[in-house]
Amino acid sequence: VFLFVRAVNNYNTSFASNIFSIWLNEKAILQKSSLLNFDEYTFFQKITLNKGENILLFKISDQNSYDWGNNYSICIGDVYGAPIKGIEMKPVHK
């Protein structure tokens, strides 16, 4: 499966200068990077999920005044971002 992360601010500008980190099941996938370093402002990476529940942690730091933290999208799917049968994302906290 693939993990996709994209950011759009309140001005529909598709890039972020703030820093983010991602962990999957307590293992770092990405540490302190910016979306400006990736083509088309989308981070994607092949990941391996465990059978059953997996925990994805996404940390946003160094937010600027454009509300980046409210406009991230996260997707787990095939290489094109399409859903995969049997994989469901749900929040840990409501």
N, C-alpha and C. Protein backbone atom coordinates (compact mmCIF):
# COMPACT_ATOMS: atom_id res chain seq x y z
N VAL A 1 0.85 -1.19 0.00
CA VAL A 1 0.00 0.00 0.00
C VAL A 1 0.88 1.24 0.00
N PHE A 2 0.29 2.38 -0.32
CA PHE A 2 1.01 3.64 -0.35
C PHE A 2 0.34 4.65 0.58
N LEU A 3 1.15 5.49 1.18
CA LEU A 3 0.68 6.59 2.02
C LEU A 3 0.89 7.88 1.24
N PHE A 4 -0.16 8.71 1.15
CA PHE A 4 -0.10 10.00 0.47
C PHE A 4 -0.44 11.10 1.47
N VAL A 5 0.32 12.20 1.45
CA VAL A 5 0.04 13.37 2.29
C VAL A 5 0.12 14.60 1.40
N ARG A 6 -0.89 15.48 1.49
CA ARG A 6 -0.92 16.69 0.70
C ARG A 6 -1.39 17.85 1.58
N ALA A 7 -0.90 19.05 1.30
CA ALA A 7 -1.29 20.23 2.06
C ALA A 7 -1.80 21.32 1.13
N VAL A 8 -2.89 21.97 1.53
CA VAL A 8 -3.42 23.13 0.81
C VAL A 8 -3.79 24.15 1.87
N ASN A 9 -3.34 25.40 1.72
CA ASN A 9 -3.68 26.40 2.74
C ASN A 9 -5.01 27.07 2.40
N ASN A 10 -5.42 28.04 3.20
CA ASN A 10 -6.70 28.71 3.00
C ASN A 10 -6.76 29.52 1.71
N TYR A 11 -5.62 29.73 1.08
CA TYR A 11 -5.56 30.49 -0.17
C TYR A 11 -5.45 29.57 -1.37
N ASN A 12 -5.71 28.27 -1.18
CA ASN A 12 -5.61 27.26 -2.23
C ASN A 12 -4.22 27.18 -2.84
N THR A 13 -3.22 27.50 -2.07
CA THR A 13 -1.84 27.35 -2.51
C THR A 13 -1.38 25.96 -2.11
N SER A 14 -0.89 25.20 -3.05
CA SER A 14 -0.58 23.79 -2.80
C SER A 14 0.86 23.58 -2.38
N PHE A 15 1.29 24.19 -1.33
CA PHE A 15 2.60 23.89 -0.78
C PHE A 15 2.63 24.28 0.68
N ALA A 16 3.60 23.75 1.39
CA ALA A 16 3.74 24.06 2.81
C ALA A 16 5.19 24.30 3.14
N SER A 17 5.44 25.28 3.98
CA SER A 17 6.81 25.52 4.41
C SER A 17 7.04 25.02 5.83
N ASN A 18 5.98 24.54 6.46
CA ASN A 18 6.15 24.04 7.82
C ASN A 18 6.67 22.60 7.79
N ILE A 19 7.08 22.13 8.93
CA ILE A 19 7.75 20.84 9.05
C ILE A 19 6.75 19.79 9.53
N PHE A 20 6.85 18.57 9.00
CA PHE A 20 6.01 17.49 9.49
C PHE A 20 6.81 16.20 9.61
N SER A 21 6.31 15.33 10.48
CA SER A 21 6.91 14.01 10.71
C SER A 21 5.79 12.99 10.73
N ILE A 22 6.12 11.75 10.33
CA ILE A 22 5.12 10.68 10.27
C ILE A 22 5.71 9.42 10.89
N TRP A 23 4.90 8.77 11.73
CA TRP A 23 5.27 7.46 12.31
C TRP A 23 4.16 6.48 11.98
N LEU A 24 4.55 5.22 11.75
CA LEU A 24 3.60 4.14 11.57
C LEU A 24 3.97 3.04 12.54
N ASN A 25 3.05 2.72 13.45
CA ASN A 25 3.28 1.69 14.47
C ASN A 25 4.59 1.93 15.23
N GLU A 26 4.77 3.18 15.67
CA GLU A 26 5.90 3.63 16.49
C GLU A 26 7.25 3.62 15.76
N LYS A 27 7.23 3.48 14.43
CA LYS A 27 8.47 3.54 13.64
C LYS A 27 8.40 4.76 12.74
N ALA A 28 9.47 5.54 12.71
CA ALA A 28 9.49 6.76 11.90
C ALA A 28 9.49 6.42 10.41
N ILE A 29 8.58 7.06 9.69
CA ILE A 29 8.55 6.97 8.22
C ILE A 29 9.27 8.18 7.65
N LEU A 30 9.02 9.33 8.26
CA LEU A 30 9.60 10.58 7.80
C LEU A 30 9.80 11.49 9.00
N GLN A 31 10.96 12.11 9.12
CA GLN A 31 11.27 12.97 10.25
C GLN A 31 11.62 14.38 9.78
N LYS A 32 10.89 15.36 10.27
CA LYS A 32 11.18 16.77 10.09
C LYS A 32 11.48 17.15 8.64
N SER A 33 10.48 16.99 7.80
CA SER A 33 10.61 17.35 6.39
C SER A 33 9.55 18.37 6.03
N SER A 34 9.68 18.96 4.85
CA SER A 34 8.72 19.94 4.38
C SER A 34 8.19 19.48 3.03
N LEU A 35 6.92 19.78 2.74
CA LEU A 35 6.36 19.41 1.45
C LEU A 35 7.03 20.14 0.30
N LEU A 36 7.74 21.22 0.57
CA LEU A 36 8.44 21.92 -0.50
C LEU A 36 9.52 21.05 -1.13
N ASN A 37 9.94 19.99 -0.44
CA ASN A 37 11.00 19.12 -0.95
C ASN A 37 10.47 18.05 -1.91
N PHE A 38 9.17 17.98 -2.14
CA PHE A 38 8.60 16.89 -2.93
C PHE A 38 7.90 17.45 -4.16
N ASP A 39 8.01 16.72 -5.27
CA ASP A 39 7.35 17.11 -6.52
C ASP A 39 5.84 17.21 -6.32
N GLU A 40 5.26 18.24 -6.90
CA GLU A 40 3.82 18.48 -6.88
C GLU A 40 3.26 18.56 -5.46
N TYR A 41 4.12 18.82 -4.48
CA TYR A 41 3.69 19.11 -3.11
C TYR A 41 2.91 17.97 -2.46
N THR A 42 3.16 16.77 -2.92
CA THR A 42 2.54 15.59 -2.33
C THR A 42 3.64 14.62 -1.91
N PHE A 43 3.61 14.22 -0.65
CA PHE A 43 4.53 13.19 -0.17
C PHE A 43 3.84 11.85 -0.37
N PHE A 44 4.55 10.88 -0.93
CA PHE A 44 4.01 9.53 -0.98
C PHE A 44 5.14 8.53 -0.79
N GLN A 45 4.78 7.43 -0.16
CA GLN A 45 5.77 6.40 0.14
C GLN A 45 5.06 5.06 0.28
N LYS A 46 5.71 4.02 -0.20
CA LYS A 46 5.18 2.67 -0.01
C LYS A 46 5.38 2.29 1.45
N ILE A 47 4.34 1.74 2.06
CA ILE A 47 4.41 1.32 3.45
C ILE A 47 3.89 -0.11 3.58
N THR A 48 4.23 -0.75 4.67
CA THR A 48 3.75 -2.10 4.95
C THR A 48 2.90 -2.04 6.20
N LEU A 49 1.65 -2.47 6.07
CA LEU A 49 0.74 -2.49 7.21
C LEU A 49 0.76 -3.87 7.85
N ASN A 50 0.59 -3.90 9.17
CA ASN A 50 0.44 -5.16 9.89
C ASN A 50 -1.00 -5.65 9.73
N LYS A 51 -1.21 -6.93 9.92
CA LYS A 51 -2.57 -7.47 9.94
C LYS A 51 -3.28 -6.90 11.16
N GLY A 52 -4.50 -6.47 10.99
CA GLY A 52 -5.24 -5.87 12.10
C GLY A 52 -5.05 -4.37 12.13
N GLU A 53 -5.04 -3.81 13.33
CA GLU A 53 -4.98 -2.36 13.50
C GLU A 53 -3.55 -1.84 13.39
N ASN A 54 -3.40 -0.68 12.75
CA ASN A 54 -2.13 0.03 12.62
C ASN A 54 -2.35 1.46 13.09
N ILE A 55 -1.35 2.03 13.71
CA ILE A 55 -1.45 3.41 14.22
C ILE A 55 -0.54 4.31 13.39
N LEU A 56 -1.14 5.35 12.77
CA LEU A 56 -0.41 6.34 11.99
C LEU A 56 -0.43 7.65 12.77
N LEU A 57 0.74 8.20 13.07
CA LEU A 57 0.85 9.47 13.78
C LEU A 57 1.46 10.50 12.84
N PHE A 58 0.79 11.63 12.72
CA PHE A 58 1.21 12.70 11.82
C PHE A 58 1.41 13.95 12.67
N LYS A 59 2.64 14.45 12.77
CA LYS A 59 2.94 15.62 13.60
C LYS A 59 3.30 16.80 12.72
N ILE A 60 2.60 17.92 12.94
CA ILE A 60 2.85 19.15 12.19
C ILE A 60 3.48 20.15 13.15
N SER A 61 4.59 20.73 12.77
CA SER A 61 5.24 21.74 13.61
C SER A 61 5.63 22.93 12.75
N ASP A 62 5.96 24.01 13.40
CA ASP A 62 6.38 25.24 12.73
C ASP A 62 5.28 25.77 11.81
N GLN A 63 4.02 25.75 12.30
CA GLN A 63 2.91 26.25 11.50
C GLN A 63 3.03 27.75 11.30
N ASN A 64 2.69 28.21 10.10
CA ASN A 64 2.68 29.65 9.85
C ASN A 64 1.25 30.16 9.92
N SER A 65 0.99 31.33 9.43
CA SER A 65 -0.32 31.95 9.59
C SER A 65 -1.33 31.55 8.52
N TYR A 66 -1.05 30.53 7.74
CA TYR A 66 -1.95 30.15 6.66
C TYR A 66 -2.80 28.93 6.98
N ASP A 67 -2.88 28.53 8.24
CA ASP A 67 -3.72 27.42 8.68
C ASP A 67 -3.39 26.09 8.01
N TRP A 68 -2.10 25.81 7.87
CA TRP A 68 -1.71 24.54 7.26
C TRP A 68 -2.23 23.34 8.04
N GLY A 69 -2.22 23.41 9.33
CA GLY A 69 -2.62 22.27 10.14
C GLY A 69 -4.07 21.86 9.94
N ASN A 70 -4.88 22.73 9.40
CA ASN A 70 -6.29 22.42 9.17
C ASN A 70 -6.56 21.91 7.76
N ASN A 71 -5.55 21.86 6.91
CA ASN A 71 -5.78 21.57 5.50
C ASN A 71 -4.87 20.48 4.93
N TYR A 72 -4.50 19.53 5.74
CA TYR A 72 -3.75 18.38 5.25
C TYR A 72 -4.71 17.28 4.88
N SER A 73 -4.37 16.52 3.86
CA SER A 73 -5.14 15.31 3.57
C SER A 73 -4.19 14.12 3.59
N ILE A 74 -4.67 13.02 4.14
CA ILE A 74 -3.89 11.79 4.26
C ILE A 74 -4.70 10.67 3.62
N CYS A 75 -4.05 9.88 2.80
CA CYS A 75 -4.72 8.79 2.10
C CYS A 75 -3.83 7.56 2.13
N ILE A 76 -4.44 6.41 2.33
CA ILE A 76 -3.74 5.13 2.17
C ILE A 76 -4.47 4.39 1.06
N GLY A 77 -3.72 4.01 0.02
CA GLY A 77 -4.35 3.33 -1.10
C GLY A 77 -3.33 2.65 -1.99
N ASP A 78 -3.75 2.37 -3.22
CA ASP A 78 -2.83 1.75 -4.17
C ASP A 78 -1.88 2.82 -4.72
N VAL A 79 -1.08 2.47 -5.69
CA VAL A 79 -0.08 3.40 -6.22
C VAL A 79 -0.71 4.67 -6.80
N TYR A 80 -1.99 4.62 -7.14
CA TYR A 80 -2.70 5.79 -7.67
C TYR A 80 -3.51 6.52 -6.62
N GLY A 81 -3.51 6.02 -5.40
CA GLY A 81 -4.28 6.63 -4.32
C GLY A 81 -5.70 6.11 -4.21
N ALA A 82 -6.04 5.12 -5.03
CA ALA A 82 -7.40 4.54 -4.98
C ALA A 82 -7.54 3.65 -3.75
N PRO A 83 -8.74 3.59 -3.17
CA PRO A 83 -8.96 2.76 -1.98
C PRO A 83 -8.63 1.28 -2.23
N ILE A 84 -8.23 0.60 -1.18
CA ILE A 84 -7.95 -0.82 -1.23
C ILE A 84 -8.98 -1.51 -0.34
N LYS A 85 -9.64 -2.50 -0.88
CA LYS A 85 -10.68 -3.21 -0.13
C LYS A 85 -10.09 -3.79 1.15
N GLY A 86 -10.79 -3.56 2.27
CA GLY A 86 -10.37 -4.08 3.56
C GLY A 86 -9.53 -3.12 4.38
N ILE A 87 -9.11 -1.99 3.80
CA ILE A 87 -8.35 -1.00 4.56
C ILE A 87 -9.26 0.19 4.86
N GLU A 88 -9.38 0.50 6.14
CA GLU A 88 -10.26 1.57 6.61
C GLU A 88 -9.48 2.48 7.53
N MET A 89 -9.59 3.79 7.31
CA MET A 89 -8.94 4.76 8.19
C MET A 89 -9.99 5.31 9.15
N LYS A 90 -9.61 5.39 10.44
CA LYS A 90 -10.53 5.99 11.41
C LYS A 90 -9.68 6.71 12.46
N PRO A 91 -10.23 7.79 13.03
CA PRO A 91 -9.49 8.54 14.04
C PRO A 91 -9.37 7.78 15.36
N VAL A 92 -8.27 7.99 16.04
CA VAL A 92 -8.09 7.41 17.37
C VAL A 92 -8.87 8.25 18.37
N HIS A 93 -8.79 9.57 18.21
CA HIS A 93 -9.50 10.50 19.10
C HIS A 93 -10.63 11.14 18.31
N LYS A 94 -11.75 11.35 18.98
CA LYS A 94 -12.88 12.00 18.31
C LYS A 94 -13.05 13.41 18.79
